[in-house]
PDB file of N, CA and C in Angstrom:
ATOM      1  N   MET A   1     -36.678  11.126  28.613  1.00  0.00           N
ATOM      2  CA  MET A   1     -36.316  11.678  27.327  1.00  0.00           C
ATOM      3  C   MET A   1     -34.809  11.994  27.262  1.00  0.00           C
ATOM      4  N   LYS A   2     -34.293  12.642  28.323  1.00  0.00           N
ATOM      5  CA  LYS A   2     -32.866  12.963  28.352  1.00  0.00           C
ATOM      6  C   LYS A   2     -32.029  11.687  28.405  1.00  0.00           C
ATOM      7  N   ARG A   3     -32.517  10.712  29.128  1.00  0.00           N
ATOM      8  CA  ARG A   3     -31.780   9.453  29.246  1.00  0.00           C
ATOM      9  C   ARG A   3     -31.701   8.754  27.886  1.00  0.00           C
ATOM     10  N   ARG A   4     -32.809   8.730  27.144  1.00  0.00           N
ATOM     11  CA  ARG A   4     -32.836   8.101  25.824  1.00  0.00           C
ATOM     12  C   ARG A   4     -31.885   8.838  24.872  1.00  0.00           C
ATOM     13  N   PHE A   5     -31.908  10.171  24.906  1.00  0.00           N
ATOM     14  CA  PHE A   5     -31.019  10.953  24.061  1.00  0.00           C
ATOM     15  C   PHE A   5     -29.551  10.663  24.408  1.00  0.00           C
ATOM     16  N   GLY A   6     -29.261  10.574  25.707  1.00  0.00           N
ATOM     17  CA  GLY A   6     -27.902  10.268  26.141  1.00  0.00           C
ATOM     18  C   GLY A   6     -27.434   8.905  25.667  1.00  0.00           C
ATOM     19  N   MET A   7     -28.296   7.916  25.750  1.00  0.00           N
ATOM     20  CA  MET A   7     -27.939   6.564  25.285  1.00  0.00           C
ATOM     21  C   MET A   7     -27.694   6.547  23.776  1.00  0.00           C
ATOM     22  N   ILE A   8     -28.550   7.241  23.031  1.00  0.00           N
ATOM     23  CA  ILE A   8     -28.376   7.299  21.574  1.00  0.00           C
ATOM     24  C   ILE A   8     -27.064   7.992  21.228  1.00  0.00           C
ATOM     25  N   LEU A   9     -26.760   9.071  21.934  1.00  0.00           N
ATOM     26  CA  LEU A   9     -25.514   9.790  21.698  1.00  0.00           C
ATOM     27  C   LEU A   9     -24.298   8.903  21.991  1.00  0.00           C
ATOM     28  N   ILE A  10     -24.311   8.201  23.104  1.00  0.00           N
ATOM     29  CA  ILE A  10     -23.205   7.310  23.464  1.00  0.00           C
ATOM     30  C   ILE A  10     -23.063   6.195  22.439  1.00  0.00           C
ATOM     31  N   MET A  11     -24.158   5.604  22.006  1.00  0.00           N
ATOM     32  CA  MET A  11     -24.099   4.521  21.017  1.00  0.00           C
ATOM     33  C   MET A  11     -23.566   5.027  19.681  1.00  0.00           C
ATOM     34  N   THR A  12     -23.920   6.248  19.299  1.00  0.00           N
ATOM     35  CA  THR A  12     -23.429   6.824  18.049  1.00  0.00           C
ATOM     36  C   THR A  12     -21.925   7.053  18.109  1.00  0.00           C
ATOM     37  N   VAL A  13     -21.450   7.595  19.220  1.00  0.00           N
ATOM     38  CA  VAL A  13     -20.017   7.847  19.385  1.00  0.00           C
ATOM     39  C   VAL A  13     -19.232   6.537  19.374  1.00  0.00           C
ATOM     40  N   VAL A  14     -19.718   5.537  20.069  1.00  0.00           N
ATOM     41  CA  VAL A  14     -19.051   4.237  20.103  1.00  0.00           C
ATOM     42  C   VAL A  14     -19.017   3.617  18.712  1.00  0.00           C
ATOM     43  N   ALA A  15     -20.124   3.694  17.977  1.00  0.00           N
ATOM     44  CA  ALA A  15     -20.162   3.146  16.619  1.00  0.00           C
ATOM     45  C   ALA A  15     -19.183   3.866  15.706  1.00  0.00           C
ATOM     46  N   ALA A  16     -19.089   5.183  15.839  1.00  0.00           N
ATOM     47  CA  ALA A  16     -18.159   5.956  15.014  1.00  0.00           C
ATOM     48  C   ALA A  16     -16.715   5.600  15.338  1.00  0.00           C
ATOM     49  N   LEU A  17     -16.407   5.431  16.615  1.00  0.00           N
ATOM     50  CA  LEU A  17     -15.034   5.100  17.001  1.00  0.00           C
ATOM     51  C   LEU A  17     -14.628   3.696  16.584  1.00  0.00           C
ATOM     52  N   THR A  18     -15.544   2.753  16.612  1.00  0.00           N
ATOM     53  CA  THR A  18     -15.184   1.382  16.244  1.00  0.00           C
ATOM     54  C   THR A  18     -15.058   1.211  14.742  1.00  0.00           C
ATOM     55  N   SER A  19     -15.683   2.084  13.958  1.00  0.00           N
ATOM     56  CA  SER A  19     -15.594   1.947  12.507  1.00  0.00           C
ATOM     57  C   SER A  19     -14.524   2.840  11.902  1.00  0.00           C
ATOM     58  N   ALA A  20     -13.846   3.652  12.696  1.00  0.00           N
ATOM     59  CA  ALA A  20     -12.808   4.543  12.192  1.00  0.00           C
ATOM     60  C   ALA A  20     -11.583   3.737  11.780  1.00  0.00           C
ATOM     61  N   PRO A  21     -10.977   4.064  10.617  1.00  0.00           N
ATOM     62  CA  PRO A  21      -9.784   3.332  10.184  1.00  0.00           C
ATOM     63  C   PRO A  21      -8.585   3.671  11.058  1.00  0.00           C
ATOM     64  N   VAL A  22      -7.703   2.708  11.215  1.00  0.00           N
ATOM     65  CA  VAL A  22      -6.485   2.910  11.981  1.00  0.00           C
ATOM     66  C   VAL A  22      -5.394   3.320  11.012  1.00  0.00           C
ATOM     67  N   ILE A  23      -4.738   4.430  11.276  1.00  0.00           N
ATOM     68  CA  ILE A  23      -3.692   4.935  10.396  1.00  0.00           C
ATOM     69  C   ILE A  23      -2.392   4.969  11.167  1.00  0.00           C
ATOM     70  N   ALA A  24      -1.385   4.310  10.619  1.00  0.00           N
ATOM     71  CA  ALA A  24      -0.065   4.313  11.255  1.00  0.00           C
ATOM     72  C   ALA A  24       0.626   5.625  10.944  1.00  0.00           C
ATOM     73  N   THR A  25       1.357   6.140  11.871  1.00  0.00           N
ATOM     74  CA  THR A  25       2.106   7.365  11.657  1.00  0.00           C
ATOM     75  C   THR A  25       3.535   7.030  11.298  1.00  0.00           C
ATOM     76  N   GLU A  26       4.263   8.038  10.903  1.00  0.00           N
ATOM     77  CA  GLU A  26       5.665   7.841  10.542  1.00  0.00           C
ATOM     78  C   GLU A  26       6.443   7.200  11.692  1.00  0.00           C
ATOM     79  N   SER A  27       6.183   7.637  12.912  1.00  0.00           N
ATOM     80  CA  SER A  27       6.947   7.115  14.035  1.00  0.00           C
ATOM     81  C   SER A  27       6.545   5.694  14.399  1.00  0.00           C
ATOM     82  N   GLY A  28       5.341   5.252  13.997  1.00  0.00           N
ATOM     83  CA  GLY A  28       4.891   3.915  14.338  1.00  0.00           C
ATOM     84  C   GLY A  28       5.278   2.876  13.311  1.00  0.00           C
ATOM     85  N   CYS A  29       5.911   3.293  12.257  1.00  0.00           N
ATOM     86  CA  CYS A  29       6.285   2.385  11.172  1.00  0.00           C
ATOM     87  C   CYS A  29       7.482   1.554  11.593  1.00  0.00           C
ATOM     88  N   ASP A  30       7.391   0.248  11.425  1.00  0.00           N
ATOM     89  CA  ASP A  30       8.512  -0.600  11.801  1.00  0.00           C
ATOM     90  C   ASP A  30       9.267  -1.096  10.577  1.00  0.00           C
ATOM     91  N   CYS A  31       8.963  -0.549   9.428  1.00  0.00           N
ATOM     92  CA  CYS A  31       9.581  -1.034   8.204  1.00  0.00           C
ATOM     93  C   CYS A  31       9.792   0.117   7.240  1.00  0.00           C
ATOM     94  N   CYS A  32      10.916   0.201   6.645  1.00  0.00           N
ATOM     95  CA  CYS A  32      11.192   1.079   5.510  1.00  0.00           C
ATOM     96  C   CYS A  32      11.093   2.580   5.785  1.00  0.00           C
ATOM     97  N   CYS A  33      11.123   3.056   6.993  1.00  0.00           N
ATOM     98  CA  CYS A  33      10.928   4.485   7.242  1.00  0.00           C
ATOM     99  C   CYS A  33      12.109   5.337   6.796  1.00  0.00           C
ATOM    100  N   ASP A  34      13.252   4.738   6.565  1.00  0.00           N
ATOM    101  CA  ASP A  34      14.387   5.516   6.124  1.00  0.00           C
ATOM    102  C   ASP A  34      14.444   5.610   4.598  1.00  0.00           C
ATOM    103  N   LYS A  35      13.434   5.150   3.931  1.00  0.00           N
ATOM    104  CA  LYS A  35      13.385   5.187   2.477  1.00  0.00           C
ATOM    105  C   LYS A  35      12.823   6.526   2.005  1.00  0.00           C
ATOM    106  N   PRO A  36      13.071   6.919   0.790  1.00  0.00           N
ATOM    107  CA  PRO A  36      12.662   8.236   0.306  1.00  0.00           C
ATOM    108  C   PRO A  36      11.164   8.403   0.108  1.00  0.00           C
ATOM    109  N   TYR A  37      10.403   7.345   0.191  1.00  0.00           N
ATOM    110  CA  TYR A  37       8.969   7.458  -0.121  1.00  0.00           C
ATOM    111  C   TYR A  37       8.084   7.478   1.104  1.00  0.00           C
ATOM    112  N   GLY A  38       8.609   7.599   2.305  1.00  0.00           N
ATOM    113  CA  GLY A  38       7.815   7.831   3.498  1.00  0.00           C
ATOM    114  C   GLY A  38       7.209   6.598   4.123  1.00  0.00           C
ATOM    115  N   GLY A  39       6.216   6.813   5.015  1.00  0.00           N
ATOM    116  CA  GLY A  39       5.619   5.750   5.795  1.00  0.00           C
ATOM    117  C   GLY A  39       4.309   5.238   5.228  1.00  0.00           C
ATOM    118  N   TYR A  40       3.794   4.219   5.868  1.00  0.00           N
ATOM    119  CA  TYR A  40       2.574   3.553   5.455  1.00  0.00           C
ATOM    120  C   TYR A  40       1.344   4.394   5.751  1.00  0.00           C
ATOM    121  N   ARG A  41       0.387   4.397   4.857  1.00  0.00           N
ATOM    122  CA  ARG A  41      -0.916   5.014   5.064  1.00  0.00           C
ATOM    123  C   ARG A  41      -1.973   3.981   4.718  1.00  0.00           C
ATOM    124  N   ALA A  42      -3.089   4.038   5.404  1.00  0.00           N
ATOM    125  CA  ALA A  42      -4.179   3.100   5.140  1.00  0.00           C
ATOM    126  C   ALA A  42      -4.680   3.283   3.709  1.00  0.00           C
ATOM    127  N   SER A  43      -5.102   2.206   3.109  1.00  0.00           N
ATOM    128  CA  SER A  43      -5.559   2.220   1.730  1.00  0.00           C
ATOM    129  C   SER A  43      -6.657   1.178   1.563  1.00  0.00           C
ATOM    130  N   PRO A  44      -7.588   1.414   0.627  1.00  0.00           N
ATOM    131  CA  PRO A  44      -8.598   0.386   0.375  1.00  0.00           C
ATOM    132  C   PRO A  44      -7.966  -0.951  -0.017  1.00  0.00           C
ATOM    133  N   ARG A  45      -6.739  -0.905  -0.535  1.00  0.00           N
ATOM    134  CA  ARG A  45      -6.045  -2.123  -0.951  1.00  0.00           C
ATOM    135  C   ARG A  45      -5.006  -2.540   0.082  1.00  0.00           C
ATOM    136  N   TRP A  46      -5.218  -2.215   1.348  1.00  0.00           N
ATOM    137  CA  TRP A  46      -4.204  -2.443   2.376  1.00  0.00           C
ATOM    138  C   TRP A  46      -3.748  -3.885   2.432  1.00  0.00           C
ATOM    139  N   LYS A  47      -4.607  -4.805   2.054  1.00  0.00           N
ATOM    140  CA  LYS A  47      -4.226  -6.215   2.112  1.00  0.00           C
ATOM    141  C   LYS A  47      -2.921  -6.453   1.359  1.00  0.00           C
ATOM    142  N   TRP A  48      -2.778  -5.893   0.170  1.00  0.00           N
ATOM    143  CA  TRP A  48      -1.547  -6.077  -0.609  1.00  0.00           C
ATOM    144  C   TRP A  48      -0.539  -4.995  -0.309  1.00  0.00           C
ATOM    145  N   TYR A  49      -1.027  -3.784  -0.207  1.00  0.00           N
ATOM    146  CA  TYR A  49      -0.139  -2.649  -0.035  1.00  0.00           C
ATOM    147  C   TYR A  49       0.642  -2.716   1.272  1.00  0.00           C
ATOM    148  N   GLY A  50      -0.035  -3.102   2.343  1.00  0.00           N
ATOM    149  CA  GLY A  50       0.609  -3.128   3.640  1.00  0.00           C
ATOM    150  C   GLY A  50       1.142  -4.485   4.044  1.00  0.00           C
ATOM    151  N   ALA A  51       1.082  -5.453   3.132  1.00  0.00           N
ATOM    152  CA  ALA A  51       1.516  -6.806   3.462  1.00  0.00           C
ATOM    153  C   ALA A  51       2.997  -6.819   3.801  1.00  0.00           C
ATOM    154  N   ARG A  52       3.359  -7.572   4.798  1.00  0.00           N
ATOM    155  CA  ARG A  52       4.763  -7.726   5.172  1.00  0.00           C
ATOM    156  C   ARG A  52       5.287  -8.981   4.487  1.00  0.00           C
ATOM    157  N   GLN A  53       5.979  -8.785   3.398  1.00  0.00           N
ATOM    158  CA  GLN A  53       6.472  -9.918   2.624  1.00  0.00           C
ATOM    159  C   GLN A  53       7.831  -9.543   2.037  1.00  0.00           C
ATOM    160  N   ASN A  54       8.826 -10.347   2.298  1.00  0.00           N
ATOM    161  CA  ASN A  54      10.145 -10.102   1.724  1.00  0.00           C
ATOM    162  C   ASN A  54      10.124 -10.445   0.240  1.00  0.00           C
ATOM    163  N   ILE A  55      10.687  -9.561  -0.554  1.00  0.00           N
ATOM    164  CA  ILE A  55      10.813  -9.779  -1.990  1.00  0.00           C
ATOM    165  C   ILE A  55      12.304  -9.955  -2.248  1.00  0.00           C
ATOM    166  N   THR A  56      12.698 -11.149  -2.704  1.00  0.00           N
ATOM    167  CA  THR A  56      14.131 -11.450  -2.794  1.00  0.00           C
ATOM    168  C   THR A  56      14.682 -11.510  -4.213  1.00  0.00           C
ATOM    169  N   SER A  57      13.824 -11.427  -5.223  1.00  0.00           N
ATOM    170  CA  SER A  57      14.332 -11.487  -6.598  1.00  0.00           C
ATOM    171  C   SER A  57      13.435 -10.667  -7.523  1.00  0.00           C
ATOM    172  N   VAL A  58      13.954 -10.397  -8.706  1.00  0.00           N
ATOM    173  CA  VAL A  58      13.187  -9.674  -9.710  1.00  0.00           C
ATOM    174  C   VAL A  58      11.958 -10.492 -10.117  1.00  0.00           C
ATOM    175  N   LYS A  59      12.113 -11.806 -10.174  1.00  0.00           N
ATOM    176  CA  LYS A  59      10.994 -12.680 -10.532  1.00  0.00           C
ATOM    177  C   LYS A  59       9.864 -12.552  -9.497  1.00  0.00           C
ATOM    178  N   GLU A  60      10.206 -12.559  -8.197  1.00  0.00           N
ATOM    179  CA  GLU A  60       9.202 -12.391  -7.151  1.00  0.00           C
ATOM    180  C   GLU A  60       8.539 -11.020  -7.247  1.00  0.00           C
ATOM    181  N   ALA A  61       9.335  -9.986  -7.545  1.00  0.00           N
ATOM    182  CA  ALA A  61       8.780  -8.639  -7.681  1.00  0.00           C
ATOM    183  C   ALA A  61       7.770  -8.591  -8.831  1.00  0.00           C
ATOM    184  N   ARG A  62       8.095  -9.250  -9.946  1.00  0.00           N
ATOM    185  CA  ARG A  62       7.173  -9.277 -11.090  1.00  0.00           C
ATOM    186  C   ARG A  62       5.884 -10.010 -10.728  1.00  0.00           C
ATOM    187  N   GLU A  63       5.995 -11.150 -10.038  1.00  0.00           N
ATOM    188  CA  GLU A  63       4.795 -11.899  -9.622  1.00  0.00           C
ATOM    189  C   GLU A  63       3.947 -11.067  -8.662  1.00  0.00           C
ATOM    190  N   TYR A  64       4.600 -10.385  -7.739  1.00  0.00           N
ATOM    191  CA  TYR A  64       3.918  -9.549  -6.757  1.00  0.00           C
ATOM    192  C   TYR A  64       3.150  -8.413  -7.443  1.00  0.00           C
ATOM    193  N   LEU A  65       3.813  -7.744  -8.391  1.00  0.00           N
ATOM    194  CA  LEU A  65       3.156  -6.661  -9.124  1.00  0.00           C
ATOM    195  C   LEU A  65       2.038  -7.177 -10.021  1.00  0.00           C
ATOM    196  N   THR A  66       2.249  -8.323 -10.633  1.00  0.00           N
ATOM    197  CA  THR A  66       1.208  -8.911 -11.482  1.00  0.00           C
ATOM    198  C   THR A  66      -0.043  -9.195 -10.665  1.00  0.00           C
ATOM    199  N   GLU A  67       0.141  -9.714  -9.470  1.00  0.00           N
ATOM    200  CA  GLU A  67      -0.995  -9.985  -8.596  1.00  0.00           C
ATOM    201  C   GLU A  67      -1.637  -8.681  -8.120  1.00  0.00           C
ATOM    202  N   PHE A  68      -0.823  -7.683  -7.826  1.00  0.00           N
ATOM    203  CA  PHE A  68      -1.340  -6.401  -7.355  1.00  0.00           C
ATOM    204  C   PHE A  68      -2.180  -5.719  -8.432  1.00  0.00           C
ATOM    205  N   TYR A  69      -1.724  -5.768  -9.673  1.00  0.00           N
ATOM    206  CA  TYR A  69      -2.418  -5.113 -10.779  1.00  0.00           C
ATOM    207  C   TYR A  69      -3.342  -6.065 -11.544  1.00  0.00           C
ATOM    208  N   ALA A  70      -3.733  -7.159 -10.954  1.00  0.00           N
ATOM    209  CA  ALA A  70      -4.538  -8.169 -11.655  1.00  0.00           C
ATOM    210  C   ALA A  70      -5.849  -7.617 -12.200  1.00  0.00           C
ATOM    211  N   SER A  71      -6.479  -6.696 -11.495  1.00  0.00           N
ATOM    212  CA  SER A  71      -7.765  -6.172 -11.950  1.00  0.00           C
ATOM    213  C   SER A  71      -7.615  -4.975 -12.890  1.00  0.00           C
ATOM    214  N   SER A  72      -6.406  -4.537 -13.169  1.00  0.00           N
ATOM    215  CA  SER A  72      -6.157  -3.390 -14.040  1.00  0.00           C
ATOM    216  C   SER A  72      -5.721  -3.852 -15.418  1.00  0.00           C
ATOM    217  N   LEU A  73      -5.946  -3.006 -16.389  1.00  0.00           N
ATOM    218  CA  LEU A  73      -5.511  -3.307 -17.752  1.00  0.00           C
ATOM    219  C   LEU A  73      -4.135  -2.702 -17.978  1.00  0.00           C
ATOM    220  N   VAL A  74      -3.146  -3.256 -17.309  1.00  0.00           N
ATOM    221  CA  VAL A  74      -1.774  -2.777 -17.433  1.00  0.00           C
ATOM    222  C   VAL A  74      -0.844  -3.958 -17.640  1.00  0.00           C
ATOM    223  N   ARG A  75       0.378  -3.633 -18.057  1.00  0.00           N
ATOM    224  CA  ARG A  75       1.414  -4.660 -18.129  1.00  0.00           C
ATOM    225  C   ARG A  75       2.635  -4.138 -17.392  1.00  0.00           C
ATOM    226  N   ILE A  76       3.397  -5.056 -16.849  1.00  0.00           N
ATOM    227  CA  ILE A  76       4.598  -4.712 -16.089  1.00  0.00           C
ATOM    228  C   ILE A  76       5.771  -4.663 -17.053  1.00  0.00           C
ATOM    229  N   GLY A  77       6.488  -3.545 -17.048  1.00  0.00           N
ATOM    230  CA  GLY A  77       7.649  -3.392 -17.928  1.00  0.00           C
ATOM    231  C   GLY A  77       8.909  -3.909 -17.257  1.00  0.00           C
ATOM    232  N   THR A  78      10.003  -3.225 -17.510  1.00  0.00           N
ATOM    233  CA  THR A  78      11.284  -3.653 -16.948  1.00  0.00           C
ATOM    234  C   THR A  78      11.325  -3.415 -15.444  1.00  0.00           C
ATOM    235  N   ILE A  79      11.979  -4.330 -14.758  1.00  0.00           N
ATOM    236  CA  ILE A  79      12.171  -4.213 -13.312  1.00  0.00           C
ATOM    237  C   ILE A  79      13.672  -4.209 -13.064  1.00  0.00           C
ATOM    238  N   THR A  80      14.139  -3.180 -12.358  1.00  0.00           N
ATOM    239  CA  THR A  80      15.562  -3.090 -12.038  1.00  0.00           C
ATOM    240  C   THR A  80      15.747  -3.164 -10.529  1.00  0.00           C
ATOM    241  N   GLU A  81      16.861  -3.767 -10.139  1.00  0.00           N
ATOM    242  CA  GLU A  81      17.165  -3.947  -8.719  1.00  0.00           C
ATOM    243  C   GLU A  81      18.064  -2.824  -8.222  1.00  0.00           C
ATOM    244  N   HIS A  82      17.741  -2.280  -7.043  1.00  0.00           N
ATOM    245  CA  HIS A  82      18.535  -1.255  -6.381  1.00  0.00           C
ATOM    246  C   HIS A  82      18.767  -1.693  -4.936  1.00  0.00           C
ATOM    247  N   ASP A  83      19.568  -0.940  -4.201  1.00  0.00           N
ATOM    248  CA  ASP A  83      19.776  -1.249  -2.781  1.00  0.00           C
ATOM    249  C   ASP A  83      18.480  -0.998  -2.026  1.00  0.00           C
ATOM    250  N   GLY A  84      17.869  -2.044  -1.501  1.00  0.00           N
ATOM    251  CA  GLY A  84      16.681  -1.898  -0.672  1.00  0.00           C
ATOM    252  C   GLY A  84      15.347  -1.941  -1.393  1.00  0.00           C
ATOM    253  N   TYR A  85      15.345  -1.825  -2.730  1.00  0.00           N
ATOM    254  CA  TYR A  85      14.078  -1.834  -3.449  1.00  0.00           C
ATOM    255  C   TYR A  85      14.268  -2.242  -4.910  1.00  0.00           C
ATOM    256  N   TYR A  86      13.137  -2.574  -5.535  1.00  0.00           N
ATOM    257  CA  TYR A  86      13.091  -2.829  -6.973  1.00  0.00           C
ATOM    258  C   TYR A  86      12.295  -1.712  -7.611  1.00  0.00           C
ATOM    259  N   GLU A  87      12.672  -1.317  -8.809  1.00  0.00           N
ATOM    260  CA  GLU A  87      11.961  -0.270  -9.533  1.00  0.00           C
ATOM    261  C   GLU A  87      11.342  -0.886 -10.784  1.00  0.00           C
ATOM    262  N   ALA A  88      10.050  -0.614 -11.004  1.00  0.00           N
ATOM    263  CA  ALA A  88       9.345  -1.209 -12.136  1.00  0.00           C
ATOM    264  C   ALA A  88       8.578  -0.144 -12.908  1.00  0.00           C
ATOM    265  N   GLU A  89       8.520  -0.328 -14.213  1.00  0.00           N
ATOM    266  CA  GLU A  89       7.724   0.550 -15.062  1.00  0.00           C
ATOM    267  C   GLU A  89       6.409  -0.143 -15.371  1.00  0.00           C
ATOM    268  N   ILE A  90       5.331   0.616 -15.280  1.00  0.00           N
ATOM    269  CA  ILE A  90       3.985   0.096 -15.519  1.00  0.00           C
ATOM    270  C   ILE A  90       3.435   0.779 -16.761  1.00  0.00           C
ATOM    271  N   TYR A  91       2.946  -0.017 -17.713  1.00  0.00           N
ATOM    272  CA  TYR A  91       2.418   0.504 -18.970  1.00  0.00           C
ATOM    273  C   TYR A  91       0.952   0.130 -19.137  1.00  0.00           C
ATOM    274  N   ARG A  92       0.229   0.964 -19.849  1.00  0.00           N
ATOM    275  CA  ARG A  92      -1.124   0.606 -20.267  1.00  0.00           C
ATOM    276  C   ARG A  92      -0.987  -0.446 -21.360  1.00  0.00           C
ATOM    277  N   LYS A  93      -2.077  -1.128 -21.665  1.00  0.00           N
ATOM    278  CA  LYS A  93      -2.022  -2.155 -22.719  1.00  0.00           C
ATOM    279  C   LYS A  93      -1.625  -1.555 -24.065  1.00  0.00           C
ATOM    280  N   ALA A  94      -1.905  -0.259 -24.276  1.00  0.00           N
ATOM    281  CA  ALA A  94      -1.565   0.399 -25.538  1.00  0.00           C
ATOM    282  C   ALA A  94      -0.126   0.917 -25.542  1.00  0.00           C
ATOM    283  N   ASN A  95       0.719   0.404 -24.661  1.00  0.00           N
ATOM    284  CA  ASN A  95       2.139   0.749 -24.548  1.00  0.00           C
ATOM    285  C   ASN A  95       2.409   2.188 -24.124  1.00  0.00           C
ATOM    286  N   ALA A  96       1.418   2.891 -23.613  1.00  0.00           N
ATOM    287  CA  ALA A  96       1.644   4.226 -23.068  1.00  0.00           C
ATOM    288  C   ALA A  96       2.085   4.055 -21.613  1.00  0.00           C
ATOM    289  N   LYS A  97       3.128   4.782 -21.221  1.00  0.00           N
ATOM    290  CA  LYS A  97       3.630   4.657 -19.854  1.00  0.00           C
ATOM    291  C   LYS A  97       2.584   5.188 -18.875  1.00  0.00           C
ATOM    292  N   ARG A  98       2.279   4.414 -17.864  1.00  0.00           N
ATOM    293  CA  ARG A  98       1.267   4.794 -16.865  1.00  0.00           C
ATOM    294  C   ARG A  98       1.902   5.254 -15.564  1.00  0.00           C
ATOM    295  N   ASP A  99       2.926   4.528 -15.098  1.00  0.00           N
ATOM    296  CA  ASP A  99       3.490   4.827 -13.785  1.00  0.00           C
ATOM    297  C   ASP A  99       4.863   4.182 -13.650  1.00  0.00           C
ATOM    298  N   ARG A 100       5.578   4.610 -12.621  1.00  0.00           N
ATOM    299  CA  ARG A 100       6.828   3.971 -12.224  1.00  0.00           C
ATOM    300  C   ARG A 100       6.718   3.743 -10.728  1.00  0.00           C
ATOM    301  N   VAL A 101       6.947   2.518 -10.286  1.00  0.00           N
ATOM    302  CA  VAL A 101       6.769   2.176  -8.878  1.00  0.00           C
ATOM    303  C   VAL A 101       8.035   1.543  -8.326  1.00  0.00           C
ATOM    304  N   ILE A 102       8.139   1.571  -6.999  1.00  0.00           N
ATOM    305  CA  ILE A 102       9.212   0.843  -6.329  1.00  0.00           C
ATOM    306  C   ILE A 102       8.581  -0.117  -5.337  1.00  0.00           C
ATOM    307  N   ILE A 103       9.219  -1.263  -5.160  1.00  0.00           N
ATOM    308  CA  ILE A 103       8.771  -2.308  -4.240  1.00  0.00           C
ATOM    309  C   ILE A 103       9.895  -2.504  -3.229  1.00  0.00           C
ATOM    310  N   ASP A 104       9.590  -2.305  -1.960  1.00  0.00           N
ATOM    311  CA  ASP A 104      10.595  -2.458  -0.917  1.00  0.00           C
ATOM    312  C   ASP A 104      10.964  -3.929  -0.771  1.00  0.00           C
ATOM    313  N   LYS A 105      12.248  -4.235  -0.730  1.00  0.00           N
ATOM    314  CA  LYS A 105      12.705  -5.622  -0.598  1.00  0.00           C
ATOM    315  C   LYS A 105      12.368  -6.211   0.763  1.00  0.00           C
ATOM    316  N   GLY A 106      12.398  -5.399   1.798  1.00  0.00           N
ATOM    317  CA  GLY A 106      12.210  -5.907   3.153  1.00  0.00           C
ATOM    318  C   GLY A 106      10.771  -6.196   3.543  1.00  0.00           C
ATOM    319  N   CYS A 107       9.833  -5.412   2.995  1.00  0.00           N
ATOM    320  CA  CYS A 107       8.451  -5.613   3.439  1.00  0.00           C
ATOM    321  C   CYS A 107       7.442  -5.659   2.304  1.00  0.00           C
ATOM    322  N   GLY A 108       7.854  -5.477   1.064  1.00  0.00           N
ATOM    323  CA  GLY A 108       6.959  -5.634  -0.071  1.00  0.00           C
ATOM    324  C   GLY A 108       6.044  -4.454  -0.350  1.00  0.00           C
ATOM    325  N   ARG A 109       6.270  -3.317   0.275  1.00  0.00           N
ATOM    326  CA  ARG A 109       5.395  -2.172   0.046  1.00  0.00           C
ATOM    327  C   ARG A 109       5.642  -1.580  -1.336  1.00  0.00           C
ATOM    328  N   ILE A 110       4.568  -1.200  -1.982  1.00  0.00           N
ATOM    329  CA  ILE A 110       4.617  -0.651  -3.331  1.00  0.00           C
ATOM    330  C   ILE A 110       4.332   0.839  -3.256  1.00  0.00           C
ATOM    331  N   ARG A 111       5.180   1.647  -3.913  1.00  0.00           N
ATOM    332  CA  ARG A 111       4.990   3.103  -3.941  1.00  0.00           C
ATOM    333  C   ARG A 111       5.190   3.625  -5.349  1.00  0.00           C
ATOM    334  N   SER A 112       4.330   4.537  -5.748  1.00  0.00           N
ATOM    335  CA  SER A 112       4.487   5.227  -7.013  1.00  0.00           C
ATOM    336  C   SER A 112       5.545   6.315  -6.835  1.00  0.00           C
ATOM    337  N   ILE A 113       6.444   6.446  -7.789  1.00  0.00           N
ATOM    338  CA  ILE A 113       7.453   7.504  -7.695  1.00  0.00           C
ATOM    339  C   ILE A 113       7.363   8.444  -8.884  1.00  0.00           C
ATOM    340  N   GLU A 114       6.324   8.329  -9.668  1.00  0.00           N
ATOM    341  CA  GLU A 114       6.181   9.219 -10.803  1.00  0.00           C
ATOM    342  C   GLU A 114       4.809   9.798 -10.869  1.00  0.00           C
TER     343      GLU A 114
END
């Protein structure tokens, strides 16, 4: 009985540890850590959010944001270029401002700043 309980306990702990999400810390970030918006955190959308992709033009930034917001009912407003990042305004379809985001030029990370 004790042996069976021990095996079940070990299997439960192993299952919990293997399914736990991996979260990068500020010190483990190899991209953009000197930017004002901090380090990477795990997200359900990590595929796009954490993608390492250089964004070299406003056109690429618009395509990247369009793909990121494809399932949302939003439109991408003006995109301005700054040192190290692009800043974009995001609007609802009814022209109400929804958010303002920045896209890092070096790694493509998207952060809300509003």
